[in-house]
């Protein structure tokens, strides 16, 4: 969770996809701690940020992080938090 928080720090200038990925990772940490609400909140913020992303402005290694994957991430939160 600390690395995800560090990536969200204002000292960095992450692209929207990188920031969204950090928020998604933070959400996963909340899910593993049993906090489904915090996980879903982090995923909401991640999706909002990712929606502002332009693929041509993102590093090529972020190709896999897409809004279409969020149902899977939300399922992970629900499953791990229950």
N, C-alpha and C. Protein backbone atom coordinates (compact mmCIF):
# COMPACT_ATOMS: atom_id res chain seq x y z
N UNK A 1 0.82 -1.18 0.00
CA UNK A 1 0.00 0.00 0.00
C UNK A 1 0.87 1.25 0.00
N UNK A 2 2.02 1.20 0.63
CA UNK A 2 2.89 2.37 0.68
C UNK A 2 3.39 2.76 -0.71
N UNK A 3 3.73 1.80 -1.55
CA UNK A 3 4.18 2.12 -2.90
C UNK A 3 3.06 2.75 -3.72
N UNK A 4 1.84 2.25 -3.57
CA UNK A 4 0.71 2.84 -4.28
C UNK A 4 0.48 4.27 -3.83
N UNK A 5 0.60 4.52 -2.54
CA UNK A 5 0.44 5.88 -2.02
C UNK A 5 1.56 6.79 -2.53
N UNK A 6 2.79 6.28 -2.57
CA UNK A 6 3.91 7.08 -3.06
C UNK A 6 3.72 7.48 -4.52
N UNK A 7 3.18 6.57 -5.32
CA UNK A 7 2.95 6.87 -6.73
C UNK A 7 1.90 7.96 -6.91
N UNK A 8 1.03 8.14 -5.91
CA UNK A 8 -0.01 9.16 -5.98
C UNK A 8 0.46 10.51 -5.43
N UNK A 9 1.67 10.58 -4.93
CA UNK A 9 2.20 11.78 -4.32
C UNK A 9 2.30 12.91 -5.35
N UNK A 10 2.15 14.12 -4.88
CA UNK A 10 2.21 15.28 -5.78
C UNK A 10 3.62 15.56 -6.28
N UNK A 11 4.64 14.92 -5.72
CA UNK A 11 6.00 15.16 -6.21
C UNK A 11 6.26 14.48 -7.55
N UNK A 12 5.43 13.49 -7.88
CA UNK A 12 5.55 12.79 -9.16
C UNK A 12 4.57 13.40 -10.16
N UNK A 13 4.84 13.18 -11.40
CA UNK A 13 3.93 13.61 -12.47
C UNK A 13 3.52 12.38 -13.29
N UNK A 14 2.76 11.46 -12.67
CA UNK A 14 2.39 10.25 -13.41
C UNK A 14 1.35 10.56 -14.49
N UNK A 15 1.35 9.76 -15.52
CA UNK A 15 0.31 9.85 -16.53
C UNK A 15 -1.00 9.35 -15.91
N UNK A 16 -2.14 9.62 -16.53
CA UNK A 16 -3.39 9.14 -15.97
C UNK A 16 -3.44 7.62 -15.79
N UNK A 17 -2.90 6.86 -16.75
CA UNK A 17 -2.93 5.40 -16.61
C UNK A 17 -2.06 4.94 -15.44
N UNK A 18 -0.90 5.55 -15.27
CA UNK A 18 -0.03 5.16 -14.16
C UNK A 18 -0.67 5.52 -12.83
N UNK A 19 -1.26 6.70 -12.74
CA UNK A 19 -1.95 7.08 -11.51
C UNK A 19 -3.14 6.16 -11.26
N UNK A 20 -3.88 5.86 -12.31
CA UNK A 20 -5.01 4.93 -12.16
C UNK A 20 -4.56 3.56 -11.70
N UNK A 21 -3.46 3.08 -12.23
CA UNK A 21 -2.93 1.78 -11.82
C UNK A 21 -2.53 1.81 -10.35
N UNK A 22 -1.92 2.92 -9.91
CA UNK A 22 -1.55 3.05 -8.50
C UNK A 22 -2.80 3.04 -7.62
N UNK A 23 -3.84 3.72 -8.05
CA UNK A 23 -5.10 3.71 -7.30
C UNK A 23 -5.71 2.31 -7.27
N UNK A 24 -5.65 1.61 -8.39
CA UNK A 24 -6.16 0.23 -8.43
C UNK A 24 -5.37 -0.65 -7.46
N UNK A 25 -4.07 -0.49 -7.43
CA UNK A 25 -3.23 -1.26 -6.52
C UNK A 25 -3.56 -0.94 -5.07
N UNK A 26 -3.79 0.32 -4.79
CA UNK A 26 -4.21 0.74 -3.45
C UNK A 26 -5.54 0.07 -3.09
N UNK A 27 -6.45 0.02 -4.05
CA UNK A 27 -7.72 -0.65 -3.82
C UNK A 27 -7.54 -2.12 -3.50
N UNK A 28 -6.65 -2.79 -4.21
CA UNK A 28 -6.37 -4.20 -3.92
C UNK A 28 -5.87 -4.38 -2.49
N UNK A 29 -5.03 -3.48 -2.03
CA UNK A 29 -4.53 -3.57 -0.65
C UNK A 29 -5.69 -3.45 0.34
N UNK A 30 -6.63 -2.57 0.07
CA UNK A 30 -7.80 -2.44 0.94
C UNK A 30 -8.64 -3.71 0.91
N UNK A 31 -8.78 -4.30 -0.28
CA UNK A 31 -9.54 -5.55 -0.40
C UNK A 31 -8.90 -6.65 0.43
N UNK A 32 -7.59 -6.76 0.35
CA UNK A 32 -6.89 -7.80 1.11
C UNK A 32 -6.99 -7.57 2.61
N UNK A 33 -7.19 -6.31 3.00
CA UNK A 33 -7.38 -5.98 4.42
C UNK A 33 -8.84 -6.13 4.84
N UNK A 34 -9.72 -6.50 3.88
CA UNK A 34 -11.12 -6.72 4.19
C UNK A 34 -12.01 -5.51 4.09
N UNK A 35 -11.53 -4.42 3.51
CA UNK A 35 -12.31 -3.18 3.41
C UNK A 35 -12.83 -3.00 1.99
N UNK A 36 -13.99 -3.61 1.71
CA UNK A 36 -14.57 -3.56 0.36
C UNK A 36 -14.92 -2.13 -0.05
N UNK A 37 -15.41 -1.33 0.86
CA UNK A 37 -15.79 0.04 0.54
C UNK A 37 -14.61 0.88 0.09
N UNK A 38 -13.50 0.77 0.81
CA UNK A 38 -12.31 1.52 0.42
C UNK A 38 -11.76 1.02 -0.91
N UNK A 39 -11.86 -0.28 -1.13
CA UNK A 39 -11.41 -0.85 -2.41
C UNK A 39 -12.24 -0.29 -3.55
N UNK A 40 -13.56 -0.34 -3.42
CA UNK A 40 -14.42 0.15 -4.49
C UNK A 40 -14.22 1.66 -4.71
N UNK A 41 -13.99 2.40 -3.63
CA UNK A 41 -13.73 3.83 -3.76
C UNK A 41 -12.45 4.10 -4.54
N UNK A 42 -11.41 3.34 -4.24
CA UNK A 42 -10.15 3.49 -4.97
C UNK A 42 -10.35 3.14 -6.45
N UNK A 43 -11.14 2.10 -6.71
CA UNK A 43 -11.41 1.72 -8.10
C UNK A 43 -12.23 2.79 -8.82
N UNK A 44 -13.15 3.41 -8.12
CA UNK A 44 -13.91 4.51 -8.72
C UNK A 44 -12.98 5.64 -9.14
N UNK A 45 -12.07 6.01 -8.24
CA UNK A 45 -11.11 7.08 -8.55
C UNK A 45 -10.19 6.66 -9.69
N UNK A 46 -9.76 5.40 -9.68
CA UNK A 46 -8.88 4.89 -10.74
C UNK A 46 -9.58 4.96 -12.10
N UNK A 47 -10.84 4.57 -12.15
CA UNK A 47 -11.59 4.60 -13.41
C UNK A 47 -11.77 6.04 -13.89
N UNK A 48 -12.05 6.95 -12.97
CA UNK A 48 -12.21 8.36 -13.34
C UNK A 48 -10.93 8.92 -13.94
N UNK A 49 -9.80 8.61 -13.31
CA UNK A 49 -8.51 9.10 -13.80
C UNK A 49 -8.19 8.45 -15.14
N UNK A 50 -8.38 7.15 -15.24
CA UNK A 50 -8.06 6.44 -16.47
C UNK A 50 -8.91 6.94 -17.64
N UNK A 51 -10.13 7.36 -17.36
CA UNK A 51 -11.00 7.87 -18.42
C UNK A 51 -10.43 9.12 -19.09
N UNK A 52 -9.51 9.81 -18.42
CA UNK A 52 -8.90 11.01 -19.00
C UNK A 52 -7.63 10.69 -19.79
N UNK A 53 -7.25 9.43 -19.80
CA UNK A 53 -6.00 9.00 -20.45
C UNK A 53 -6.12 9.02 -21.97
N UNK A 54 -5.01 9.37 -22.61
CA UNK A 54 -4.90 9.26 -24.06
C UNK A 54 -3.80 8.23 -24.33
N UNK A 55 -4.11 7.14 -25.02
CA UNK A 55 -3.12 6.07 -25.22
C UNK A 55 -1.79 6.55 -25.77
N UNK A 56 -1.82 7.53 -26.64
CA UNK A 56 -0.56 8.02 -27.23
C UNK A 56 0.34 8.74 -26.22
N UNK A 57 -0.22 9.13 -25.08
CA UNK A 57 0.56 9.80 -24.04
C UNK A 57 1.05 8.86 -22.95
N UNK A 58 0.66 7.61 -23.03
CA UNK A 58 1.01 6.63 -22.00
C UNK A 58 2.23 5.81 -22.41
N UNK A 59 3.00 5.33 -21.43
CA UNK A 59 4.12 4.45 -21.77
C UNK A 59 3.60 3.15 -22.38
N UNK A 60 4.35 2.55 -23.28
CA UNK A 60 3.87 1.34 -23.95
C UNK A 60 3.58 0.18 -23.00
N UNK A 61 4.23 0.14 -21.86
CA UNK A 61 4.01 -0.97 -20.94
C UNK A 61 2.70 -0.86 -20.17
N UNK A 62 1.95 0.20 -20.39
CA UNK A 62 0.63 0.34 -19.74
C UNK A 62 -0.50 -0.09 -20.67
N UNK A 63 -0.17 -0.74 -21.78
CA UNK A 63 -1.17 -1.13 -22.79
C UNK A 63 -2.30 -1.98 -22.20
N UNK A 64 -2.03 -2.73 -21.16
CA UNK A 64 -3.00 -3.68 -20.61
C UNK A 64 -4.03 -3.04 -19.68
N UNK A 65 -3.77 -1.85 -19.22
CA UNK A 65 -4.62 -1.22 -18.20
C UNK A 65 -5.71 -0.41 -18.90
N UNK A 66 -6.90 -0.99 -18.98
CA UNK A 66 -8.01 -0.41 -19.72
C UNK A 66 -9.29 -0.42 -18.87
N UNK A 67 -10.18 0.49 -19.17
CA UNK A 67 -11.46 0.54 -18.44
C UNK A 67 -12.25 -0.75 -18.57
N UNK A 68 -12.07 -1.46 -19.68
CA UNK A 68 -12.80 -2.70 -19.89
C UNK A 68 -12.46 -3.77 -18.85
N UNK A 69 -11.34 -3.62 -18.16
CA UNK A 69 -10.91 -4.60 -17.16
C UNK A 69 -11.51 -4.35 -15.78
N UNK A 70 -12.18 -3.23 -15.59
CA UNK A 70 -12.64 -2.88 -14.24
C UNK A 70 -13.67 -3.84 -13.65
N UNK A 71 -14.52 -4.49 -14.42
CA UNK A 71 -15.39 -5.50 -13.79
C UNK A 71 -14.59 -6.61 -13.10
N UNK A 72 -13.46 -6.98 -13.67
CA UNK A 72 -12.60 -7.99 -13.04
C UNK A 72 -12.02 -7.43 -11.74
N UNK A 73 -11.54 -6.19 -11.76
CA UNK A 73 -10.97 -5.58 -10.56
C UNK A 73 -12.03 -5.46 -9.46
N UNK A 74 -13.24 -5.09 -9.84
CA UNK A 74 -14.32 -4.96 -8.86
C UNK A 74 -14.68 -6.32 -8.27
N UNK A 75 -14.63 -7.34 -9.10
CA UNK A 75 -14.88 -8.70 -8.61
C UNK A 75 -13.83 -9.13 -7.62
N UNK A 76 -12.57 -8.77 -7.88
CA UNK A 76 -11.50 -9.09 -6.95
C UNK A 76 -11.78 -8.43 -5.60
N UNK A 77 -12.18 -7.16 -5.63
CA UNK A 77 -12.47 -6.46 -4.38
C UNK A 77 -13.59 -7.16 -3.61
N UNK A 78 -14.65 -7.50 -4.33
CA UNK A 78 -15.78 -8.15 -3.66
C UNK A 78 -15.39 -9.50 -3.10
N UNK A 79 -14.63 -10.28 -3.85
CA UNK A 79 -14.25 -11.63 -3.43
C UNK A 79 -13.28 -11.59 -2.25
N UNK A 80 -12.28 -10.74 -2.33
CA UNK A 80 -11.26 -10.69 -1.29
C UNK A 80 -11.76 -10.07 0.00
N UNK A 81 -12.75 -9.19 -0.11
CA UNK A 81 -13.25 -8.49 1.08
C UNK A 81 -14.32 -9.27 1.82
N UNK A 82 -14.84 -10.33 1.22
CA UNK A 82 -15.93 -11.06 1.87
C UNK A 82 -15.44 -12.09 2.85
